[in-house]
Structures are given as C-alpha cells and as structure tokens.
Amino acid sequence: MNSDQFAASLQEKGIVLTEQQLDQFEKYYETLVEWNEKINLTAITEKGEVYLKHFYDSISAAFYFDFTKPIHVCDVGAGAGFPSIPLKIVFPHLQITIVDSLNKRIHFLNHLADKLNLENVHFVHDRAETFGSNPKYRESFDVVTARAVARMSVLSELCLPLVKQGGHFVALKAVNAEEELAAGKKAIATLGGKLEKKFTFTLPIENFERTVILIHKDKPTPKKYPRKPGTPNKTPIE
C-alpha cells in the first residue's frame, strides 16, 4: 500500500487526510525505520507494509468507534505508537497517554512526537499493572486501546482498570479473536466490562483478517485488580 492508496482507502471510509497529515505519516515511517536500526520497534519495515499493517490497521479502530470527540485515550503497550499515534495524526484533538514497559520505546515516542509536532501526548514508562493501580490514572480515561499486546483474558486486566465508568476499551485483534473473546468473557465481566460490539473485516490489498472489539465499562473495577506485574499473564482470570 503506497501513500496514495493509503489516502484513497481512508477516503472510502470517510477520512480525508490533509497534505500536512500525509507528510506526518511520511516522517513517521522515516523515523520508525531509522530508529529500528538501533532498537527493535517492529519486524515490519517495508514501506507498503508499514502503511497497511501499521498505519491503516491502527486507524481502522475509527471505522467502528467515534474518535471525533474530545476524548482522553490511553494506549497500553503501544510499542512504536500503534494504534494511538496514527489516530492522533488523523484526529489531532485527541489527548493521548501511552504507557510502555520499555524505556527505549518511550525515548523513541518522545522523539517522534517532537518530529511530528504532536501536542497533548504523554508517554509513561511503567508496567501496565502498576500504572493501572496508580490513583492518578486508574479509571480516568474515556478510551483505552491496545493492539496485539496479549490475549483478551490478560489484556482486559491491563486495560479495563484504566477505563472510567461509562468509557470504552477498544481492542484491535488479528486472528483468533472469537476464541479469545470466549476465553476472556469471565475476565471482562469481573473487571466491570461488557461486550458492546465486535467487528471483523479484512485489510485492503492483502485481505488479512482483523477484528475490533468494543467493551463498555459499566461497573467499577474491583480494587484488587490489576494484580501485581506478571500475575495476569501467568494466571489469567478464566
């Protein structure tokens, strides 16, 4: 997917990019590749694949959830900034907080934000479990996103404690989403969430299957969650 196909595919979905936004995506790609030689950010570096599998894929969340409102989004384990930085480029009014456990990635994101002139973006070096227990952040975000971080039973414990009551957890998944949802049903309910909708679609050109899962937070998360770092992954709520 080249940049023209990228812009055209988004336009079909009602998202029209400006020249400035297209320039930001170009700089994003260049910076990602440059830094990827120093630290491991992504296995995908071919330009067309980055535009399709990282940029377009990240923005696909906006096909099914309304990011046009002035909301505060937390991205858990964003790595090189996916999905929140592409969403921020498309919807500049969003307030973004990214939490990641690797400080090298936080350095990259700070550099990237400067390079792209992004405002209202905050990067926190922390484990999601510790971050979610911090009163400053706990149940304070309108939307929490995560993309390819962990299976739903684990991911729900990392993300739902951060979502304010009435807010949403938006999970971007590839294959096995149905099985993950079934296995994560108990965790989602325990942590105060409820499945609102699930959308399965294919990426253009290469037809890879993707799923966007919307979880509504209708009850507060019990105080004992998230458990200490590493526990959700070792003994998920199932």
Protein backbone atom coordinates (compact mmCIF):
# COMPACT_ATOMS: atom_id res chain seq x y z
CA MET A 1 0.00 0.00 0.00
CA ASN A 2 1.64 3.25 -1.12
CA SER A 3 0.72 6.64 0.36
CA ASP A 4 -1.78 7.38 -2.44
CA GLN A 5 -3.56 4.06 -1.88
CA PHE A 6 -3.45 4.74 1.87
CA ALA A 7 -5.16 8.12 1.44
CA ALA A 8 -7.70 6.72 -1.07
CA SER A 9 -8.59 3.73 1.14
CA LEU A 10 -9.18 6.02 4.11
CA GLN A 11 -11.24 8.41 1.98
CA GLU A 12 -13.53 5.49 1.11
CA LYS A 13 -14.15 5.24 4.85
CA GLY A 14 -14.91 8.95 5.14
CA ILE A 15 -11.50 10.02 6.46
CA VAL A 16 -9.89 12.70 4.29
CA LEU A 17 -6.23 13.40 5.03
CA THR A 18 -4.61 16.81 4.53
CA GLU A 19 -1.17 17.28 2.96
CA GLN A 20 0.16 18.01 6.44
CA GLN A 21 -1.18 14.70 7.76
CA LEU A 22 0.27 12.77 4.82
CA ASP A 23 3.60 14.48 5.50
CA GLN A 24 3.37 13.42 9.16
CA PHE A 25 2.83 9.80 8.15
CA GLU A 26 5.83 10.00 5.81
CA LYS A 27 8.00 11.38 8.63
CA TYR A 28 6.61 8.71 10.96
CA TYR A 29 7.71 6.00 8.54
CA GLU A 30 11.19 7.50 8.08
CA THR A 31 11.71 7.92 11.83
CA LEU A 32 10.47 4.40 12.55
CA VAL A 33 12.89 2.83 10.08
CA GLU A 34 15.78 4.98 11.25
CA TRP A 35 15.27 4.11 14.94
CA ASN A 36 14.51 0.47 14.18
CA GLU A 37 18.18 0.04 13.28
CA LYS A 38 19.09 1.00 16.87
CA ILE A 39 16.26 -0.59 18.86
CA ASN A 40 13.78 -3.30 17.98
CA LEU A 41 10.48 -1.50 17.29
CA THR A 42 8.93 -3.60 14.52
CA ALA A 43 9.65 -6.57 12.28
CA ILE A 44 7.74 -4.77 9.51
CA THR A 45 9.90 -2.16 7.76
CA GLU A 46 8.95 -2.33 4.07
CA LYS A 47 7.15 0.92 3.33
CA GLY A 48 4.00 -0.51 1.78
CA GLU A 49 3.61 -2.96 4.66
CA VAL A 50 4.10 -0.25 7.31
CA TYR A 51 1.39 1.86 5.68
CA LEU A 52 -1.00 -1.09 5.50
CA LYS A 53 -0.26 -3.21 8.57
CA HIS A 54 0.65 -0.42 10.99
CA PHE A 55 -0.85 2.90 9.86
CA TYR A 56 -4.08 1.80 8.15
CA ASP A 57 -4.60 -1.03 10.62
CA SER A 58 -4.31 1.37 13.58
CA ILE A 59 -6.77 3.85 12.06
CA SER A 60 -9.28 1.06 11.38
CA ALA A 61 -10.42 1.43 15.01
CA ALA A 62 -12.01 4.72 13.92
CA PHE A 63 -14.22 2.92 11.39
CA TYR A 64 -16.15 1.43 14.31
CA PHE A 65 -15.67 3.87 17.20
CA ASP A 66 -16.14 7.64 17.19
CA PHE A 67 -12.79 9.36 17.78
CA THR A 68 -14.07 12.75 16.58
CA LYS A 69 -15.00 13.77 20.14
CA PRO A 70 -12.52 15.49 22.52
CA ILE A 71 -11.57 12.38 24.49
CA HIS A 72 -8.57 11.21 26.51
CA VAL A 73 -7.15 7.96 25.12
CA CYS A 74 -4.70 5.67 26.90
CA ASP A 75 -2.74 3.23 24.76
CA VAL A 76 -1.38 0.23 26.68
CA GLY A 77 1.85 -1.33 25.40
CA ALA A 78 1.87 0.82 22.26
CA GLY A 79 5.43 -0.12 21.31
CA ALA A 80 6.22 2.08 18.32
CA GLY A 81 2.99 4.04 18.84
CA PHE A 82 0.27 1.78 17.43
CA PRO A 83 -2.65 2.42 17.31
CA SER A 84 -2.65 5.75 19.17
CA ILE A 85 -0.15 7.84 17.17
CA PRO A 86 -1.79 7.21 13.76
CA LEU A 87 -5.15 8.01 15.42
CA LYS A 88 -3.65 11.20 16.87
CA ILE A 89 -2.40 12.29 13.44
CA VAL A 90 -5.87 11.78 11.94
CA PHE A 91 -7.70 13.26 14.95
CA PRO A 92 -5.33 15.97 16.31
CA HIS A 93 -7.75 17.00 19.08
CA LEU A 94 -7.29 13.68 20.91
CA GLN A 95 -5.39 13.70 24.19
CA ILE A 96 -3.11 10.67 24.22
CA THR A 97 -1.29 8.89 27.04
CA ILE A 98 0.91 5.92 26.16
CA VAL A 99 2.24 3.52 28.78
CA ASP A 100 5.03 1.13 27.85
CA SER A 101 7.36 -1.01 29.96
CA LEU A 102 10.47 -0.40 27.83
CA ASN A 103 12.22 2.93 28.31
CA LYS A 104 13.91 2.77 24.89
CA ARG A 105 10.48 2.83 23.25
CA ILE A 106 9.46 5.81 25.40
CA HIS A 107 12.57 7.67 24.15
CA PHE A 108 11.57 6.87 20.58
CA LEU A 109 8.00 8.11 21.15
CA ASN A 110 9.21 11.37 22.68
CA HIS A 111 11.48 11.94 19.68
CA LEU A 112 8.64 11.04 17.29
CA ALA A 113 6.21 13.44 18.96
CA ASP A 114 8.73 16.27 18.57
CA LYS A 115 9.39 15.35 14.95
CA LEU A 116 5.65 15.29 14.12
CA ASN A 117 4.81 18.39 16.22
CA LEU A 118 2.23 16.48 18.24
CA GLU A 119 0.62 18.23 21.20
CA ASN A 120 -1.23 16.72 24.18
CA VAL A 121 0.69 13.46 24.07
CA HIS A 122 2.18 11.94 27.22
CA PHE A 123 4.47 8.94 27.49
CA VAL A 124 4.86 6.96 30.71
CA HIS A 125 7.50 4.31 31.38
CA ASP A 126 5.70 1.76 33.56
CA ARG A 127 4.22 -1.73 33.68
CA ALA A 128 0.50 -1.67 32.84
CA GLU A 129 -0.31 -3.43 36.14
CA THR A 130 1.43 -0.75 38.24
CA PHE A 131 0.08 2.05 36.07
CA GLY A 132 -3.49 0.74 36.48
CA SER A 133 -3.15 0.71 40.26
CA ASN A 134 -1.92 4.32 40.38
CA PRO A 135 -4.77 6.59 41.66
CA LYS A 136 -3.59 9.31 39.24
CA TYR A 137 -4.50 7.15 36.24
CA ARG A 138 -6.92 4.50 37.48
CA GLU A 139 -10.42 4.79 35.95
CA SER A 140 -9.52 8.18 34.44
CA PHE A 141 -9.57 7.55 30.67
CA ASP A 142 -12.50 7.83 28.25
CA VAL A 143 -10.99 5.18 25.99
CA VAL A 144 -8.21 2.63 26.46
CA THR A 145 -6.76 0.96 23.37
CA ALA A 146 -4.39 -1.94 22.85
CA ARG A 147 -3.18 -3.69 19.74
CA ALA A 148 -1.64 -7.16 19.69
CA VAL A 149 -0.37 -6.94 23.29
CA ALA A 150 -1.86 -10.06 24.92
CA ARG A 151 -4.89 -12.35 24.74
CA MET A 152 -8.21 -10.85 25.87
CA SER A 153 -8.30 -12.55 29.29
CA VAL A 154 -4.95 -10.89 30.13
CA LEU A 155 -5.46 -7.67 28.20
CA SER A 156 -8.75 -6.92 29.97
CA GLU A 157 -6.94 -6.87 33.32
CA LEU A 158 -4.31 -4.49 31.96
CA CYS A 159 -6.79 -2.13 30.30
CA LEU A 160 -10.21 -2.10 32.00
CA PRO A 161 -8.93 -0.76 35.36
CA LEU A 162 -7.86 2.38 33.46
CA VAL A 163 -11.24 3.00 31.80
CA LYS A 164 -13.62 5.37 33.57
CA GLN A 165 -17.13 4.11 34.21
CA GLY A 166 -19.14 4.73 31.05
CA GLY A 167 -15.98 4.65 28.92
CA HIS A 168 -14.68 2.06 26.45
CA PHE A 169 -11.90 -0.43 25.99
CA VAL A 170 -11.13 -0.80 22.25
CA ALA A 171 -9.05 -3.89 21.41
CA LEU A 172 -7.53 -4.38 17.95
CA LYS A 173 -7.06 -8.05 17.16
CA ALA A 174 -5.89 -10.23 14.28
CA VAL A 175 -6.77 -13.92 14.16
CA ASN A 176 -8.49 -15.97 16.89
CA ALA A 177 -10.50 -13.02 18.21
CA GLU A 178 -13.63 -15.15 18.65
CA GLU A 179 -11.80 -17.74 20.76
CA GLU A 180 -10.07 -15.02 22.77
CA LEU A 181 -13.39 -13.34 23.50
CA ALA A 182 -14.93 -16.60 24.67
CA ALA A 183 -11.97 -17.29 26.96
CA GLY A 184 -11.95 -13.68 28.19
CA LYS A 185 -15.66 -13.45 28.97
CA LYS A 186 -15.21 -14.00 32.71
CA ALA A 187 -12.32 -11.51 32.95
CA ILE A 188 -14.26 -8.80 31.11
CA ALA A 189 -17.28 -9.18 33.41
CA THR A 190 -15.15 -9.43 36.59
CA LEU A 191 -13.33 -6.19 35.72
CA GLY A 192 -16.54 -4.22 35.10
CA GLY A 193 -16.80 -4.53 31.33
CA LYS A 194 -19.45 -5.74 28.93
CA LEU A 195 -19.05 -6.66 25.26
CA GLU A 196 -20.75 -3.94 23.24
CA LYS A 197 -19.86 -4.93 19.67
CA LYS A 198 -17.35 -6.90 17.64
CA PHE A 199 -16.44 -6.02 14.06
CA THR A 200 -14.49 -8.34 11.77
CA PHE A 201 -13.15 -7.06 8.46
CA THR A 202 -10.25 -7.53 6.05
CA LEU A 203 -7.44 -5.11 5.33
CA PRO A 204 -7.41 -3.85 1.73
CA ILE A 205 -4.98 -5.25 -0.86
CA GLU A 206 -3.71 -8.23 1.15
CA ASN A 207 -7.05 -9.23 2.76
CA PHE A 208 -5.71 -10.02 6.22
CA GLU A 209 -8.49 -10.56 8.75
CA ARG A 210 -8.80 -8.04 11.58
CA THR A 211 -11.24 -7.60 14.47
CA VAL A 212 -12.11 -4.51 16.51
CA ILE A 213 -13.68 -5.34 19.87
CA LEU A 214 -15.59 -2.67 21.80
CA ILE A 215 -16.00 -3.26 25.54
CA HIS A 216 -18.18 -0.84 27.52
CA LYS A 217 -17.19 -0.21 31.16
CA ASP A 218 -20.47 -0.32 33.03
CA LYS A 219 -19.20 -1.06 36.56
CA PRO A 220 -16.14 -0.02 38.59
CA THR A 221 -13.20 -2.44 38.60
CA PRO A 222 -12.75 -4.19 41.98
CA LYS A 223 -9.82 -2.71 43.93
CA LYS A 224 -7.73 -5.90 43.84
CA TYR A 225 -7.27 -5.57 40.06
CA PRO A 226 -4.91 -5.28 38.32
CA ARG A 227 -2.83 -7.76 40.27
CA LYS A 228 0.94 -7.40 40.63
CA PRO A 229 3.14 -7.33 37.48
CA GLY A 230 3.31 -10.65 35.68
CA THR A 231 0.37 -12.24 37.51
CA PRO A 232 -2.32 -11.55 34.85
CA ASN A 233 -0.20 -13.30 32.24
CA LYS A 234 0.69 -16.27 34.46
CA THR A 235 -2.78 -16.81 35.94
CA PRO A 236 -5.41 -15.01 33.84
CA ILE A 237 -8.99 -14.67 35.06
CA GLU A 238 -10.65 -17.55 33.19
